[in-house]
C-alpha atoms as a PDB file:
ATOM      1  CA  UNK A   1      96.438  89.425  22.668  1.00  0.00           C
ATOM      2  CA  UNK A   2      98.202  91.616  19.916  1.00  0.00           C
ATOM      3  CA  UNK A   3     101.341  93.506  21.394  1.00  0.00           C
ATOM      4  CA  UNK A   4     102.829  96.294  20.189  1.00  0.00           C
ATOM      5  CA  UNK A   5     106.218  97.637  18.862  1.00  0.00           C
ATOM      6  CA  UNK A   6     109.484  96.202  20.756  1.00  0.00           C
ATOM      7  CA  UNK A   7     110.636  99.748  21.454  1.00  0.00           C
ATOM      8  CA  UNK A   8     107.199 100.085  23.864  1.00  0.00           C
ATOM      9  CA  UNK A   9     108.294  97.308  26.235  1.00  0.00           C
ATOM     10  CA  UNK A  10     108.760  96.555  29.185  1.00  0.00           C
ATOM     11  CA  UNK A  11     105.844  97.847  30.020  1.00  0.00           C
ATOM     12  CA  UNK A  12     104.600  98.274  33.864  1.00  0.00           C
ATOM     13  CA  UNK A  13     100.726  96.959  34.996  1.00  0.00           C
ATOM     14  CA  UNK A  14      99.577  97.393  37.902  1.00  0.00           C
ATOM     15  CA  UNK A  15      95.907  96.020  39.686  1.00  0.00           C
ATOM     16  CA  UNK A  16      95.877  98.329  42.751  1.00  0.00           C
ATOM     17  CA  UNK A  17      92.662  97.263  45.805  1.00  0.00           C
ATOM     18  CA  UNK A  18      91.965  98.362  49.076  1.00  0.00           C
ATOM     19  CA  UNK A  19      94.340  96.066  50.653  1.00  0.00           C
ATOM     20  CA  UNK A  20      97.089  94.478  47.781  1.00  0.00           C
ATOM     21  CA  UNK A  21      98.718  95.769  45.017  1.00  0.00           C
ATOM     22  CA  UNK A  22      99.508  93.481  42.211  1.00  0.00           C
ATOM     23  CA  UNK A  23     102.378  94.760  39.723  1.00  0.00           C
ATOM     24  CA  UNK A  24     104.066  92.818  36.798  1.00  0.00           C
ATOM     25  CA  UNK A  25     106.160  93.441  33.852  1.00  0.00           C
ATOM     26  CA  UNK A  26     104.922  93.289  30.280  1.00  0.00           C
ATOM     27  CA  UNK A  27     107.733  92.323  27.538  1.00  0.00           C
ATOM     28  CA  UNK A  28     106.854  91.490  23.947  1.00  0.00           C
ATOM     29  CA  UNK A  29     106.612  87.735  24.918  1.00  0.00           C
ATOM     30  CA  UNK A  30     103.891  88.291  27.105  1.00  0.00           C
ATOM     31  CA  UNK A  31     103.259  89.118  31.242  1.00  0.00           C
ATOM     32  CA  UNK A  32     105.721  88.393  33.608  1.00  0.00           C
ATOM     33  CA  UNK A  33     105.107  86.996  37.214  1.00  0.00           C
ATOM     34  CA  UNK A  34     103.022  89.317  39.607  1.00  0.00           C
ATOM     35  CA  UNK A  35     104.991  91.033  42.625  1.00  0.00           C
ATOM     36  CA  UNK A  36     102.078  91.465  45.210  1.00  0.00           C
ATOM     37  CA  UNK A  37     102.492  94.217  47.706  1.00  0.00           C
ATOM     38  CA  UNK A  38     100.382  95.051  50.699  1.00  0.00           C
ATOM     39  CA  UNK A  39      99.065  98.639  50.413  1.00  0.00           C
ATOM     40  CA  UNK A  40      99.606  99.702  54.234  1.00  0.00           C
ATOM     41  CA  UNK A  41     103.397  99.018  53.926  1.00  0.00           C
ATOM     42  CA  UNK A  42     103.780 101.697  51.816  1.00  0.00           C
ATOM     43  CA  UNK A  43     102.805 105.503  52.281  1.00  0.00           C
ATOM     44  CA  UNK A  44     101.981 106.234  48.660  1.00  0.00           C
ATOM     45  CA  UNK A  45     101.514 104.452  45.374  1.00  0.00           C
ATOM     46  CA  UNK A  46     104.778 105.957  44.106  1.00  0.00           C
ATOM     47  CA  UNK A  47     106.582 104.201  46.910  1.00  0.00           C
ATOM     48  CA  UNK A  48     105.407 101.021  46.234  1.00  0.00           C
ATOM     49  CA  UNK A  49     105.837 101.575  42.681  1.00  0.00           C
ATOM     50  CA  UNK A  50     109.673 102.745  43.202  1.00  0.00           C
ATOM     51  CA  UNK A  51     109.719  99.172  45.632  1.00  0.00           C
ATOM     52  CA  UNK A  52     108.328  97.235  43.397  1.00  0.00           C
ATOM     53  CA  UNK A  53     110.634  98.501  40.208  1.00  0.00           C
ATOM     54  CA  UNK A  54     114.138  98.412  42.347  1.00  0.00           C
ATOM     55  CA  UNK A  55     113.240  94.743  42.951  1.00  0.00           C
ATOM     56  CA  UNK A  56     113.358  93.998  39.430  1.00  0.00           C
ATOM     57  CA  UNK A  57     116.383  96.074  39.003  1.00  0.00           C
ATOM     58  CA  UNK A  58     115.239  99.406  37.866  1.00  0.00           C
ATOM     59  CA  UNK A  59     114.326  98.990  34.549  1.00  0.00           C
ATOM     60  CA  UNK A  60     113.805 101.038  31.734  1.00  0.00           C
ATOM     61  CA  UNK A  61     109.478 101.721  31.628  1.00  0.00           C
ATOM     62  CA  UNK A  62     108.220 104.465  29.030  1.00  0.00           C
ATOM     63  CA  UNK A  63     104.530 102.788  29.020  1.00  0.00           C
ATOM     64  CA  UNK A  64     102.584 102.039  32.323  1.00  0.00           C
ATOM     65  CA  UNK A  65      98.702 101.414  33.431  1.00  0.00           C
ATOM     66  CA  UNK A  66      97.486 101.231  36.584  1.00  0.00           C
ATOM     67  CA  UNK A  67      93.946 100.340  37.398  1.00  0.00           C
ATOM     68  CA  UNK A  68      92.818 101.173  40.619  1.00  0.00           C
ATOM     69  CA  UNK A  69      89.994 100.343  43.065  1.00  0.00           C
ATOM     70  CA  UNK A  70      87.907 104.075  42.473  1.00  0.00           C
ATOM     71  CA  UNK A  71      86.297 105.476  39.985  1.00  0.00           C
ATOM     72  CA  UNK A  72      88.724 107.662  37.720  1.00  0.00           C
ATOM     73  CA  UNK A  73      87.845 111.153  36.643  1.00  0.00           C
ATOM     74  CA  UNK A  74      90.266 113.990  35.891  1.00  0.00           C
ATOM     75  CA  UNK A  75      93.565 113.895  36.988  1.00  0.00           C
ATOM     76  CA  UNK A  76      93.339 113.244  40.841  1.00  0.00           C
ATOM     77  CA  UNK A  77      92.656 109.960  41.752  1.00  0.00           C
ATOM     78  CA  UNK A  78      91.601 108.632  45.320  1.00  0.00           C
ATOM     79  CA  UNK A  79      91.109 105.074  46.502  1.00  0.00           C
ATOM     80  CA  UNK A  80      87.884 104.697  48.089  1.00  0.00           C
ATOM     81  CA  UNK A  81      88.727 102.444  50.901  1.00  0.00           C
ATOM     82  CA  UNK A  82      92.513 102.767  51.108  1.00  0.00           C
ATOM     83  CA  UNK A  83      94.323 106.591  51.960  1.00  0.00           C
ATOM     84  CA  UNK A  84      96.327 106.766  48.679  1.00  0.00           C
ATOM     85  CA  UNK A  85      95.816 109.381  46.107  1.00  0.00           C
ATOM     86  CA  UNK A  86      97.859 111.002  42.960  1.00  0.00           C
ATOM     87  CA  UNK A  87      98.093 113.319  40.461  1.00  0.00           C
ATOM     88  CA  UNK A  88      98.495 111.134  36.866  1.00  0.00           C
ATOM     89  CA  UNK A  89     100.239 113.792  35.412  1.00  0.00           C
ATOM     90  CA  UNK A  90     102.816 114.115  38.160  1.00  0.00           C
ATOM     91  CA  UNK A  91     102.806 110.380  38.679  1.00  0.00           C
ATOM     92  CA  UNK A  92     103.755 109.860  35.111  1.00  0.00           C
ATOM     93  CA  UNK A  93     106.471 113.200  34.925  1.00  0.00           C
ATOM     94  CA  UNK A  94     108.169 111.445  38.140  1.00  0.00           C
ATOM     95  CA  UNK A  95     108.836 108.248  36.542  1.00  0.00           C
ATOM     96  CA  UNK A  96     109.430 109.323  33.222  1.00  0.00           C
ATOM     97  CA  UNK A  97     106.678 107.844  31.438  1.00  0.00           C
ATOM     98  CA  UNK A  98     105.608 108.717  27.959  1.00  0.00           C
ATOM     99  CA  UNK A  99     102.434 107.226  29.018  1.00  0.00           C
ATOM    100  CA  UNK A 100     100.319 106.345  32.172  1.00  0.00           C
ATOM    101  CA  UNK A 101      96.945 105.143  31.196  1.00  0.00           C
ATOM    102  CA  UNK A 102      94.800 104.630  34.674  1.00  0.00           C
ATOM    103  CA  UNK A 103      91.097 102.736  34.814  1.00  0.00           C
ATOM    104  CA  UNK A 104      88.962 101.190  37.075  1.00  0.00           C
ATOM    105  CA  UNK A 105      90.047  97.738  38.398  1.00  0.00           C
ATOM    106  CA  UNK A 106      86.706  95.872  37.767  1.00  0.00           C
ATOM    107  CA  UNK A 107      86.899  97.739  34.193  1.00  0.00           C
ATOM    108  CA  UNK A 108      90.223  95.927  33.699  1.00  0.00           C
ATOM    109  CA  UNK A 109      88.830  92.898  35.146  1.00  0.00           C
ATOM    110  CA  UNK A 110      85.645  93.018  32.216  1.00  0.00           C
ATOM    111  CA  UNK A 111      88.439  93.424  29.602  1.00  0.00           C
ATOM    112  CA  UNK A 112      90.194  90.349  30.858  1.00  0.00           C
ATOM    113  CA  UNK A 113      87.372  88.110  30.402  1.00  0.00           C
ATOM    114  CA  UNK A 114      88.246  86.937  26.822  1.00  0.00           C
ATOM    115  CA  UNK A 115      92.058  86.525  28.035  1.00  0.00           C
ATOM    116  CA  UNK A 116      90.865  83.641  30.950  1.00  0.00           C
ATOM    117  CA  UNK A 117      91.524  79.900  30.594  1.00  0.00           C
ATOM    118  CA  UNK A 118      88.385  77.321  30.771  1.00  0.00           C
ATOM    119  CA  UNK A 119      90.151  75.696  34.141  1.00  0.00           C
ATOM    120  CA  UNK A 120      90.300  79.361  35.328  1.00  0.00           C
ATOM    121  CA  UNK A 121      86.578  79.629  35.668  1.00  0.00           C
ATOM    122  CA  UNK A 122      84.032  77.412  38.141  1.00  0.00           C
ATOM    123  CA  UNK A 123      80.693  77.591  36.923  1.00  0.00           C
ATOM    124  CA  UNK A 124      77.959  77.913  39.259  1.00  0.00           C
ATOM    125  CA  UNK A 125      74.588  76.723  37.428  1.00  0.00           C
ATOM    126  CA  UNK A 126      72.930  77.972  34.702  1.00  0.00           C
ATOM    127  CA  UNK A 127      73.651  77.064  31.201  1.00  0.00           C
ATOM    128  CA  UNK A 128      75.938  78.031  28.271  1.00  0.00           C
ATOM    129  CA  UNK A 129      76.973  81.970  28.105  1.00  0.00           C
ATOM    130  CA  UNK A 130      75.682  82.985  24.648  1.00  0.00           C
ATOM    131  CA  UNK A 131      79.077  84.875  23.241  1.00  0.00           C
ATOM    132  CA  UNK A 132      77.141  87.643  21.803  1.00  0.00           C
ATOM    133  CA  UNK A 133      75.546  89.141  25.065  1.00  0.00           C
ATOM    134  CA  UNK A 134      76.811  91.442  27.804  1.00  0.00           C
ATOM    135  CA  UNK A 135      78.677  89.919  30.795  1.00  0.00           C
ATOM    136  CA  UNK A 136      78.486  91.117  34.087  1.00  0.00           C
ATOM    137  CA  UNK A 137      81.112  91.089  36.701  1.00  0.00           C
ATOM    138  CA  UNK A 138      81.417  91.873  40.118  1.00  0.00           C
ATOM    139  CA  UNK A 139      83.526  91.206  42.996  1.00  0.00           C
ATOM    140  CA  UNK A 140      83.285  91.810  47.006  1.00  0.00           C
ATOM    141  CA  UNK A 141      86.903  92.363  48.801  1.00  0.00           C
ATOM    142  CA  UNK A 142      87.842  95.165  50.210  1.00  0.00           C
ATOM    143  CA  UNK A 143      85.197  96.996  48.717  1.00  0.00           C
ATOM    144  CA  UNK A 144      82.411  96.022  45.933  1.00  0.00           C
ATOM    145  CA  UNK A 145      83.864  95.973  42.304  1.00  0.00           C
ATOM    146  CA  UNK A 146      81.255  96.189  39.554  1.00  0.00           C
ATOM    147  CA  UNK A 147      81.583  96.223  35.207  1.00  0.00           C
ATOM    148  CA  UNK A 148      80.480  94.735  32.325  1.00  0.00           C
ATOM    149  CA  UNK A 149      81.596  93.718  28.963  1.00  0.00           C
ATOM    150  CA  UNK A 150      79.334  94.866  26.232  1.00  0.00           C
ATOM    151  CA  UNK A 151      79.450  93.189  22.550  1.00  0.00           C
ATOM    152  CA  UNK A 152      79.286  95.896  19.900  1.00  0.00           C
ATOM    153  CA  UNK A 153      79.490  95.228  16.151  1.00  0.00           C
ATOM    154  CA  UNK A 154      82.729  94.396  14.214  1.00  0.00           C
ATOM    155  CA  UNK A 155      83.159  91.379  16.927  1.00  0.00           C
ATOM    156  CA  UNK A 156      84.849  93.893  19.809  1.00  0.00           C
ATOM    157  CA  UNK A 157      83.303  94.425  23.200  1.00  0.00           C
ATOM    158  CA  UNK A 158      83.158  97.537  25.226  1.00  0.00           C
ATOM    159  CA  UNK A 159      83.928  97.564  29.026  1.00  0.00           C
ATOM    160  CA  UNK A 160      81.787 100.014  31.643  1.00  0.00           C
ATOM    161  CA  UNK A 161      83.653 102.090  34.059  1.00  0.00           C
ATOM    162  CA  UNK A 162      81.028 102.336  36.773  1.00  0.00           C
ATOM    163  CA  UNK A 163      80.806 102.318  40.810  1.00  0.00           C
ATOM    164  CA  UNK A 164      77.751  99.430  41.035  1.00  0.00           C
ATOM    165  CA  UNK A 165      78.780  98.830  44.507  1.00  0.00           C
ATOM    166  CA  UNK A 166      77.398 101.765  45.767  1.00  0.00           C
ATOM    167  CA  UNK A 167      73.545 100.810  44.602  1.00  0.00           C
ATOM    168  CA  UNK A 168      71.448 100.678  47.704  1.00  0.00           C
ATOM    169  CA  UNK A 169      71.209  97.736  48.985  1.00  0.00           C
ATOM    170  CA  UNK A 170      67.463  95.739  49.348  1.00  0.00           C
ATOM    171  CA  UNK A 171      66.563  93.421  51.583  1.00  0.00           C
ATOM    172  CA  UNK A 172      65.352  90.585  49.752  1.00  0.00           C
ATOM    173  CA  UNK A 173      63.186  88.930  53.585  1.00  0.00           C
ATOM    174  CA  UNK A 174      62.296  90.272  56.972  1.00  0.00           C
ATOM    175  CA  UNK A 175      65.653  89.286  58.342  1.00  0.00           C
ATOM    176  CA  UNK A 176      67.311  91.637  55.718  1.00  0.00           C
ATOM    177  CA  UNK A 177      64.698  94.371  56.464  1.00  0.00           C
ATOM    178  CA  UNK A 178      65.948  94.196  60.002  1.00  0.00           C
ATOM    179  CA  UNK A 179      69.544  93.914  58.592  1.00  0.00           C
ATOM    180  CA  UNK A 180      69.276  97.146  56.447  1.00  0.00           C
ATOM    181  CA  UNK A 181      67.764  98.851  59.817  1.00  0.00           C
ATOM    182  CA  UNK A 182      70.937  97.651  62.011  1.00  0.00           C
ATOM    183  CA  UNK A 183      73.098  99.146  59.006  1.00  0.00           C
ATOM    184  CA  UNK A 184      71.461 101.881  58.618  1.00  0.00           C
ATOM    185  CA  UNK A 185      71.601 103.411  62.242  1.00  0.00           C
ATOM    186  CA  UNK A 186      75.221 102.971  62.228  1.00  0.00           C
ATOM    187  CA  UNK A 187      75.646 104.409  58.674  1.00  0.00           C
ATOM    188  CA  UNK A 188      73.150 105.809  57.161  1.00  0.00           C
ATOM    189  CA  UNK A 189      72.492 105.219  53.156  1.00  0.00           C
ATOM    190  CA  UNK A 190      73.762 101.051  52.987  1.00  0.00           C
ATOM    191  CA  UNK A 191      74.868 100.521  49.967  1.00  0.00           C
ATOM    192  CA  UNK A 192      75.430  97.107  48.574  1.00  0.00           C
ATOM    193  CA  UNK A 193      79.153  97.520  48.971  1.00  0.00           C
ATOM    194  CA  UNK A 194      78.604  98.298  52.785  1.00  0.00           C
ATOM    195  CA  UNK A 195      77.518  94.855  53.346  1.00  0.00           C
ATOM    196  CA  UNK A 196      79.335  92.892  50.643  1.00  0.00           C
ATOM    197  CA  UNK A 197      83.252  93.419  51.352  1.00  0.00           C
ATOM    198  CA  UNK A 198      85.282  92.347  54.126  1.00  0.00           C
ATOM    199  CA  UNK A 199      83.950  95.430  56.279  1.00  0.00           C
ATOM    200  CA  UNK A 200      80.523  93.898  55.650  1.00  0.00           C
ATOM    201  CA  UNK A 201      81.199  90.556  56.561  1.00  0.00           C
ATOM    202  CA  UNK A 202      82.555  91.885  59.915  1.00  0.00           C
ATOM    203  CA  UNK A 203      78.895  93.754  60.306  1.00  0.00           C
ATOM    204  CA  UNK A 204      76.756  90.867  59.331  1.00  0.00           C
ATOM    205  CA  UNK A 205      78.681  88.952  62.111  1.00  0.00           C
ATOM    206  CA  UNK A 206      78.091  91.579  64.590  1.00  0.00           C
ATOM    207  CA  UNK A 207      74.529  92.080  63.547  1.00  0.00           C
ATOM    208  CA  UNK A 208      74.213  87.920  64.331  1.00  0.00           C
ATOM    209  CA  UNK A 209      75.126  88.799  67.903  1.00  0.00           C
ATOM    210  CA  UNK A 210      77.445  90.744  70.173  1.00  0.00           C
ATOM    211  CA  UNK A 211      80.748  90.878  68.863  1.00  0.00           C
ATOM    212  CA  UNK A 212      83.972  89.325  70.492  1.00  0.00           C
ATOM    213  CA  UNK A 213      86.816  91.259  71.982  1.00  0.00           C
ATOM    214  CA  UNK A 214      88.652  91.601  69.409  1.00  0.00           C
ATOM    215  CA  UNK A 215      86.346  91.627  66.784  1.00  0.00           C
ATOM    216  CA  UNK A 216      87.248  88.882  64.285  1.00  0.00           C
ATOM    217  CA  UNK A 217      88.684  89.859  60.996  1.00  0.00           C
ATOM    218  CA  UNK A 218      87.208  89.066  57.910  1.00  0.00           C
ATOM    219  CA  UNK A 219      89.911  86.061  57.236  1.00  0.00           C
ATOM    220  CA  UNK A 220      88.717  84.382  60.757  1.00  0.00           C
ATOM    221  CA  UNK A 221      85.316  84.766  60.321  1.00  0.00           C
ATOM    222  CA  UNK A 222      85.697  83.017  56.322  1.00  0.00           C
ATOM    223  CA  UNK A 223      88.205  80.505  58.260  1.00  0.00           C
ATOM    224  CA  UNK A 224      85.926  79.457  60.747  1.00  0.00           C
ATOM    225  CA  UNK A 225      82.985  79.026  58.554  1.00  0.00           C
ATOM    226  CA  UNK A 226      84.900  76.935  56.454  1.00  0.00           C
ATOM    227  CA  UNK A 227      85.726  74.485  59.104  1.00  0.00           C
ATOM    228  CA  UNK A 228      82.199  74.674  60.149  1.00  0.00           C
ATOM    229  CA  UNK A 229      83.530  75.362  63.745  1.00  0.00           C
ATOM    230  CA  UNK A 230      81.598  78.620  64.784  1.00  0.00           C
ATOM    231  CA  UNK A 231      77.987  79.046  63.828  1.00  0.00           C
ATOM    232  CA  UNK A 232      77.403  81.975  63.912  1.00  0.00           C
ATOM    233  CA  UNK A 233      80.594  82.616  61.165  1.00  0.00           C
ATOM    234  CA  UNK A 234      78.986  80.167  59.074  1.00  0.00           C
ATOM    235  CA  UNK A 235      75.478  82.059  59.429  1.00  0.00           C
ATOM    236  CA  UNK A 236      77.543  85.367  58.668  1.00  0.00           C
ATOM    237  CA  UNK A 237      78.963  83.976  55.573  1.00  0.00           C
ATOM    238  CA  UNK A 238      75.472  82.260  54.576  1.00  0.00           C
ATOM    239  CA  UNK A 239      73.979  85.123  54.598  1.00  0.00           C
ATOM    240  CA  UNK A 240      77.077  87.157  52.629  1.00  0.00           C
ATOM    241  CA  UNK A 241      76.279  84.650  49.814  1.00  0.00           C
ATOM    242  CA  UNK A 242      72.646  85.191  49.659  1.00  0.00           C
ATOM    243  CA  UNK A 243      72.893  89.024  49.338  1.00  0.00           C
ATOM    244  CA  UNK A 244      75.653  88.436  46.483  1.00  0.00           C
ATOM    245  CA  UNK A 245      72.777  86.098  44.541  1.00  0.00           C
ATOM    246  CA  UNK A 246      70.319  89.381  45.031  1.00  0.00           C
ATOM    247  CA  UNK A 247      73.042  92.219  43.404  1.00  0.00           C
ATOM    248  CA  UNK A 248      74.488  89.645  40.986  1.00  0.00           C
ATOM    249  CA  UNK A 249      70.798  88.931  39.644  1.00  0.00           C
ATOM    250  CA  UNK A 250      69.567  92.525  39.537  1.00  0.00           C
ATOM    251  CA  UNK A 251      73.049  93.150  37.731  1.00  0.00           C
ATOM    252  CA  UNK A 252      72.226  90.335  35.402  1.00  0.00           C
ATOM    253  CA  UNK A 253      68.794  91.474  34.882  1.00  0.00           C
ATOM    254  CA  UNK A 254      69.996  95.327  34.366  1.00  0.00           C
ATOM    255  CA  UNK A 255      72.207  94.393  31.740  1.00  0.00           C
ATOM    256  CA  UNK A 256      70.531  91.351  30.458  1.00  0.00           C
ATOM    257  CA  UNK A 257      73.781  89.723  31.337  1.00  0.00           C
ATOM    258  CA  UNK A 258      73.191  86.118  29.222  1.00  0.00           C
ATOM    259  CA  UNK A 259      76.914  86.642  28.657  1.00  0.00           C
ATOM    260  CA  UNK A 260      77.444  85.259  31.988  1.00  0.00           C
ATOM    261  CA  UNK A 261      78.245  86.938  35.599  1.00  0.00           C
ATOM    262  CA  UNK A 262      81.801  86.499  36.680  1.00  0.00           C
ATOM    263  CA  UNK A 263      82.438  86.730  40.081  1.00  0.00           C
ATOM    264  CA  UNK A 264      85.952  88.067  41.493  1.00  0.00           C
ATOM    265  CA  UNK A 265      87.413  89.885  44.150  1.00  0.00           C
ATOM    266  CA  UNK A 266      89.131  88.534  47.345  1.00  0.00           C
ATOM    267  CA  UNK A 267      86.367  86.791  48.888  1.00  0.00           C
ATOM    268  CA  UNK A 268      84.382  84.684  46.834  1.00  0.00           C
ATOM    269  CA  UNK A 269      86.813  82.107  45.306  1.00  0.00           C
ATOM    270  CA  UNK A 270      88.240  81.536  48.586  1.00  0.00           C
ATOM    271  CA  UNK A 271      84.818  80.353  49.809  1.00  0.00           C
ATOM    272  CA  UNK A 272      85.278  77.051  47.747  1.00  0.00           C
ATOM    273  CA  UNK A 273      82.886  74.317  48.104  1.00  0.00           C
ATOM    274  CA  UNK A 274      80.858  76.684  50.949  1.00  0.00           C
ATOM    275  CA  UNK A 275      80.321  78.899  48.252  1.00  0.00           C
ATOM    276  CA  UNK A 276      78.712  76.181  45.672  1.00  0.00           C
ATOM    277  CA  UNK A 277      76.590  74.647  48.392  1.00  0.00           C
ATOM    278  CA  UNK A 278      75.291  78.363  49.681  1.00  0.00           C
ATOM    279  CA  UNK A 279      72.559  79.957  48.843  1.00  0.00           C
ATOM    280  CA  UNK A 280      73.790  81.788  46.398  1.00  0.00           C
ATOM    281  CA  UNK A 281      72.259  80.003  43.474  1.00  0.00           C
ATOM    282  CA  UNK A 282      68.435  79.917  44.678  1.00  0.00           C
ATOM    283  CA  UNK A 283      68.424  83.594  45.866  1.00  0.00           C
ATOM    284  CA  UNK A 284      70.035  84.492  41.991  1.00  0.00           C
ATOM    285  CA  UNK A 285      66.872  82.791  40.797  1.00  0.00           C
ATOM    286  CA  UNK A 286      64.478  84.296  42.985  1.00  0.00           C
ATOM    287  CA  UNK A 287      63.215  87.101  40.742  1.00  0.00           C
ATOM    288  CA  UNK A 288      59.371  85.914  40.307  1.00  0.00           C
ATOM    289  CA  UNK A 289      58.879  85.942  36.648  1.00  0.00           C
ATOM    290  CA  UNK A 290      62.108  86.252  35.725  1.00  0.00           C
ATOM    291  CA  UNK A 291      63.274  83.673  37.498  1.00  0.00           C
ATOM    292  CA  UNK A 292      63.354  81.051  34.595  1.00  0.00           C
ATOM    293  CA  UNK A 293      65.153  83.957  32.815  1.00  0.00           C
ATOM    294  CA  UNK A 294      67.539  83.682  35.337  1.00  0.00           C
ATOM    295  CA  UNK A 295      67.880  80.186  35.618  1.00  0.00           C
ATOM    296  CA  UNK A 296      69.686  80.053  32.134  1.00  0.00           C
ATOM    297  CA  UNK A 297      72.287  82.803  32.991  1.00  0.00           C
ATOM    298  CA  UNK A 298      75.650  81.101  34.162  1.00  0.00           C
ATOM    299  CA  UNK A 299      77.849  82.418  36.837  1.00  0.00           C
ATOM    300  CA  UNK A 300      81.404  81.568  36.742  1.00  0.00           C
ATOM    301  CA  UNK A 301      83.847  82.144  39.766  1.00  0.00           C
ATOM    302  CA  UNK A 302      87.079  83.527  38.378  1.00  0.00           C
ATOM    303  CA  UNK A 303      89.623  81.166  39.604  1.00  0.00           C
ATOM    304  CA  UNK A 304      92.815  82.577  37.748  1.00  0.00           C
ATOM    305  CA  UNK A 305      94.727  84.219  40.202  1.00  0.00           C
ATOM    306  CA  UNK A 306      95.972  88.196  39.349  1.00  0.00           C
ATOM    307  CA  UNK A 307      93.271  88.184  36.227  1.00  0.00           C
ATOM    308  CA  UNK A 308      92.734  91.622  35.895  1.00  0.00           C
ATOM    309  CA  UNK A 309      96.615  92.281  34.641  1.00  0.00           C
ATOM    310  CA  UNK A 310      95.342  90.814  31.065  1.00  0.00           C
ATOM    311  CA  UNK A 311      93.008  93.258  31.328  1.00  0.00           C
ATOM    312  CA  UNK A 312      94.898  96.180  31.961  1.00  0.00           C
ATOM    313  CA  UNK A 313      97.613  95.225  29.401  1.00  0.00           C
ATOM    314  CA  UNK A 314      94.583  95.041  26.770  1.00  0.00           C
ATOM    315  CA  UNK A 315      93.756  98.637  28.044  1.00  0.00           C
ATOM    316  CA  UNK A 316      97.094  99.803  27.899  1.00  0.00           C
ATOM    317  CA  UNK A 317      97.951  98.299  24.164  1.00  0.00           C
ATOM    318  CA  UNK A 318      94.486 100.309  23.157  1.00  0.00           C
ATOM    319  CA  UNK A 319      95.776 103.672  24.965  1.00  0.00           C
ATOM    320  CA  UNK A 320      99.348 103.103  23.047  1.00  0.00           C
ATOM    321  CA  UNK A 321      97.781 102.640  19.855  1.00  0.00           C
ATOM    322  CA  UNK A 322      95.247 105.786  20.169  1.00  0.00           C
ATOM    323  CA  UNK A 323      98.246 107.911  21.006  1.00  0.00           C
ATOM    324  CA  UNK A 324     100.184 106.764  18.313  1.00  0.00           C
ATOM    325  CA  UNK A 325      97.011 107.087  15.532  1.00  0.00           C
ATOM    326  CA  UNK A 326      97.221 110.739  13.234  1.00  0.00           C
END
């Protein structure tokens, strides 16, 4: 990554999801260690920013970029799955920043793909990625983020800023028709995110039988599935992986993502070998006449901690360059 003039450092980088917010300072030497805060511990994003900056000794920051788990359109930013909201202009003025750049969190993750080291990726089937082809990015966590990186002439690549996690859920078998009916009765529109998220994992667990009291958290369901001690948790996670296979394949076909599909978010990387053994890849390739097409597309689990911060840094560099252009 090309770094800018020394007077633009340090820069503040943030990747803000519905549960955790990750912050780092970037200097001319690179990105420092990330600080992770629980969003629930702070009434506002400004409170979280003040806390983390104070912990770093209140450095003088003039340039900042925030990747946020929501659509970014206009001055007002509201997280989809957390109560935080803010005015971009007011936040910039309050902190005295010369420039504040705000982008979607999975747009940032897409921008980070070229910076990921090979040992930070785990391939799940397929062949070799085609560098000149689009790559898709998605990941279930508190919500379901979706983006892509599209190569353009000249060697550059453009990230997509979309909300593909909210496309309609598409059942692939009779059981999933019953699942759709269960979710529709409760929520009306059944999006992919409704099932492929932490809350979706809980919904799947409930659909499989009467819920315990108190209900298990997404972390509990995942832990019991990994331990193999709870058959219903194992079934819930397996169905989750199948559903993710459908959504990932739909994204790959829509984009022509021969550059690969990359899985981030907070859930899949934690599943480890359980995800590898799951029916994800089988479902990913189960597309009738286009099964052979999908069989060639590699899928990668992103195991690099705080991977999106590299994309946040790239986006901020571009915003600084643009602001300084004549």
